[in-house]
C-alpha atoms as a PDB file:
ATOM      1  CA  MET A   1     -86.768 -15.219  56.624  1.00  0.00           C
ATOM      2  CA  GLN A   2     -90.387 -15.395  57.656  1.00  0.00           C
ATOM      3  CA  ILE A   3     -91.804 -16.277  61.076  1.00  0.00           C
ATOM      4  CA  PRO A   4     -92.547 -19.959  60.263  1.00  0.00           C
ATOM      5  CA  LYS A   5     -88.897 -20.574  59.318  1.00  0.00           C
ATOM      6  CA  LEU A   6     -87.751 -18.764  62.470  1.00  0.00           C
ATOM      7  CA  ARG A   7     -90.053 -20.991  64.539  1.00  0.00           C
ATOM      8  CA  VAL A   8     -88.532 -24.152  62.994  1.00  0.00           C
ATOM      9  CA  LEU A   9     -84.979 -22.890  63.554  1.00  0.00           C
ATOM     10  CA  SER A  10     -85.804 -21.939  67.132  1.00  0.00           C
ATOM     11  CA  GLU A  11     -87.338 -25.340  67.881  1.00  0.00           C
ATOM     12  CA  ALA A  12     -84.233 -27.010  66.412  1.00  0.00           C
ATOM     13  CA  GLY A  13     -81.950 -24.879  68.600  1.00  0.00           C
ATOM     14  CA  ALA A  14     -80.218 -23.382  65.560  1.00  0.00           C
ATOM     15  CA  VAL A  15     -80.854 -19.694  66.386  1.00  0.00           C
ATOM     16  CA  ARG A  16     -77.641 -18.093  67.640  1.00  0.00           C
ATOM     17  CA  ALA A  17     -78.443 -14.371  67.871  1.00  0.00           C
ATOM     18  CA  VAL A  18     -81.425 -12.100  67.282  1.00  0.00           C
ATOM     19  CA  THR A  19     -80.982  -8.337  67.036  1.00  0.00           C
ATOM     20  CA  ALA A  20     -83.648  -5.626  66.763  1.00  0.00           C
ATOM     21  CA  THR A  21     -82.287  -2.393  65.301  1.00  0.00           C
ATOM     22  CA  TYR A  22     -84.180   0.886  65.015  1.00  0.00           C
ATOM     23  CA  GLU A  23     -83.949   2.120  61.434  1.00  0.00           C
ATOM     24  CA  THR A  24     -84.776   5.809  61.132  1.00  0.00           C
ATOM     25  CA  GLU A  25     -85.294   5.576  57.346  1.00  0.00           C
ATOM     26  CA  ALA A  26     -87.878   2.827  57.829  1.00  0.00           C
ATOM     27  CA  ASN A  27     -89.337   4.541  60.918  1.00  0.00           C
ATOM     28  CA  GLY A  28     -89.369   1.296  62.858  1.00  0.00           C
ATOM     29  CA  TRP A  29     -87.551  -1.788  64.133  1.00  0.00           C
ATOM     30  CA  GLU A  30     -85.941  -4.351  61.845  1.00  0.00           C
ATOM     31  CA  VAL A  31     -84.897  -7.776  63.105  1.00  0.00           C
ATOM     32  CA  GLN A  32     -81.802  -9.749  62.061  1.00  0.00           C
ATOM     33  CA  VAL A  33     -81.558 -13.451  62.904  1.00  0.00           C
ATOM     34  CA  GLY A  34     -78.248 -15.298  63.096  1.00  0.00           C
ATOM     35  CA  TYR A  35     -78.460 -19.071  62.881  1.00  0.00           C
ATOM     36  CA  ALA A  36     -76.423 -22.191  62.232  1.00  0.00           C
ATOM     37  CA  SER A  37     -76.839 -23.910  58.878  1.00  0.00           C
ATOM     38  CA  ARG A  38     -75.095 -26.799  57.179  1.00  0.00           C
ATOM     39  CA  SER A  39     -72.836 -24.348  55.359  1.00  0.00           C
ATOM     40  CA  GLY A  40     -71.975 -22.355  58.511  1.00  0.00           C
ATOM     41  CA  GLU A  41     -73.398 -19.316  60.271  1.00  0.00           C
ATOM     42  CA  ARG A  42     -75.920 -17.192  58.371  1.00  0.00           C
ATOM     43  CA  THR A  43     -77.784 -13.971  59.099  1.00  0.00           C
ATOM     44  CA  GLU A  44     -81.124 -13.005  57.584  1.00  0.00           C
ATOM     45  CA  ALA A  45     -83.653 -10.253  58.161  1.00  0.00           C
ATOM     46  CA  LEU A  46     -87.237 -11.059  59.154  1.00  0.00           C
ATOM     47  CA  GLU A  47     -89.444 -10.562  56.112  1.00  0.00           C
ATOM     48  CA  ARG A  48     -93.072  -9.816  55.404  1.00  0.00           C
ATOM     49  CA  GLN A  49     -95.235 -12.565  53.921  1.00  0.00           C
ATOM     50  CA  ARG A  50     -95.096 -10.953  50.492  1.00  0.00           C
ATOM     51  CA  GLY A  51     -91.382 -10.193  50.626  1.00  0.00           C
ATOM     52  CA  GLY A  52     -89.366  -7.223  51.779  1.00  0.00           C
ATOM     53  CA  VAL A  53     -87.969  -6.506  55.212  1.00  0.00           C
ATOM     54  CA  ARG A  54     -90.544  -6.561  58.000  1.00  0.00           C
ATOM     55  CA  VAL A  55     -90.641  -3.318  59.992  1.00  0.00           C
ATOM     56  CA  PHE A  56     -92.156  -3.280  63.483  1.00  0.00           C
ATOM     57  CA  ALA A  57     -93.622  -0.080  64.942  1.00  0.00           C
ATOM     58  CA  THR A  58     -92.679  -0.903  68.548  1.00  0.00           C
ATOM     59  CA  LEU A  59     -90.326  -3.114  70.538  1.00  0.00           C
ATOM     60  CA  ASP A  60     -93.411  -4.679  72.122  1.00  0.00           C
ATOM     61  CA  ALA A  61     -94.465  -5.874  68.670  1.00  0.00           C
ATOM     62  CA  VAL A  62     -90.961  -7.279  68.088  1.00  0.00           C
ATOM     63  CA  ALA A  63     -91.033  -9.109  71.423  1.00  0.00           C
ATOM     64  CA  ARG A  64     -94.511 -10.501  70.762  1.00  0.00           C
ATOM     65  CA  ALA A  65     -93.612 -11.822  67.284  1.00  0.00           C
ATOM     66  CA  LEU A  66     -90.320 -13.309  68.461  1.00  0.00           C
ATOM     67  CA  GLY A  67     -91.967 -14.872  71.509  1.00  0.00           C
ATOM     68  CA  GLU A  68     -94.590 -16.528  69.317  1.00  0.00           C
ATOM     69  CA  ALA A  69     -91.731 -17.951  67.236  1.00  0.00           C
ATOM     70  CA  GLY A  70     -90.046 -19.385  70.329  1.00  0.00           C
ATOM     71  CA  VAL A  71     -87.293 -16.796  70.724  1.00  0.00           C
ATOM     72  CA  GLY A  72     -86.907 -15.883  74.378  1.00  0.00           C
ATOM     73  CA  ALA A  73     -84.286 -13.132  74.195  1.00  0.00           C
ATOM     74  CA  PHE A  74     -82.973 -10.622  71.688  1.00  0.00           C
ATOM     75  CA  ARG A  75     -80.476  -7.768  71.532  1.00  0.00           C
ATOM     76  CA  VAL A  76     -81.643  -4.174  71.019  1.00  0.00           C
ATOM     77  CA  VAL A  77     -79.587  -1.598  69.102  1.00  0.00           C
ATOM     78  CA  THR A  78     -80.705   2.034  69.316  1.00  0.00           C
ATOM     79  CA  PRO A  79     -79.760   4.647  66.710  1.00  0.00           C
ATOM     80  CA  ARG A  80     -78.341   6.976  69.349  1.00  0.00           C
ATOM     81  CA  SER A  81     -75.964   4.557  70.988  1.00  0.00           C
ATOM     82  CA  GLY A  82     -75.258   2.217  68.089  1.00  0.00           C
ATOM     83  CA  ALA A  83     -74.696  -0.451  70.721  1.00  0.00           C
ATOM     84  CA  GLY A  84     -76.875  -3.215  72.075  1.00  0.00           C
ATOM     85  CA  TRP A  85     -78.466  -3.239  75.503  1.00  0.00           C
END
């Protein structure tokens, strides 16, 4: 899912959960978005414009992108704890 789709889902109130997870292999933060669809709950990763999973260098960058898309809160999962804050 790309940011424009996330913005539409957020405006429609369909976003259920957003999780930022630090991926050591990618050396950055990946974001998963859970949302309601006609066929039930779905989860998709945020993607780059040209495809592939979008990787953020910092949590600040995650927060900025999500905020611009209308998402006010998200869960953070660190590699050490494996649990959200």
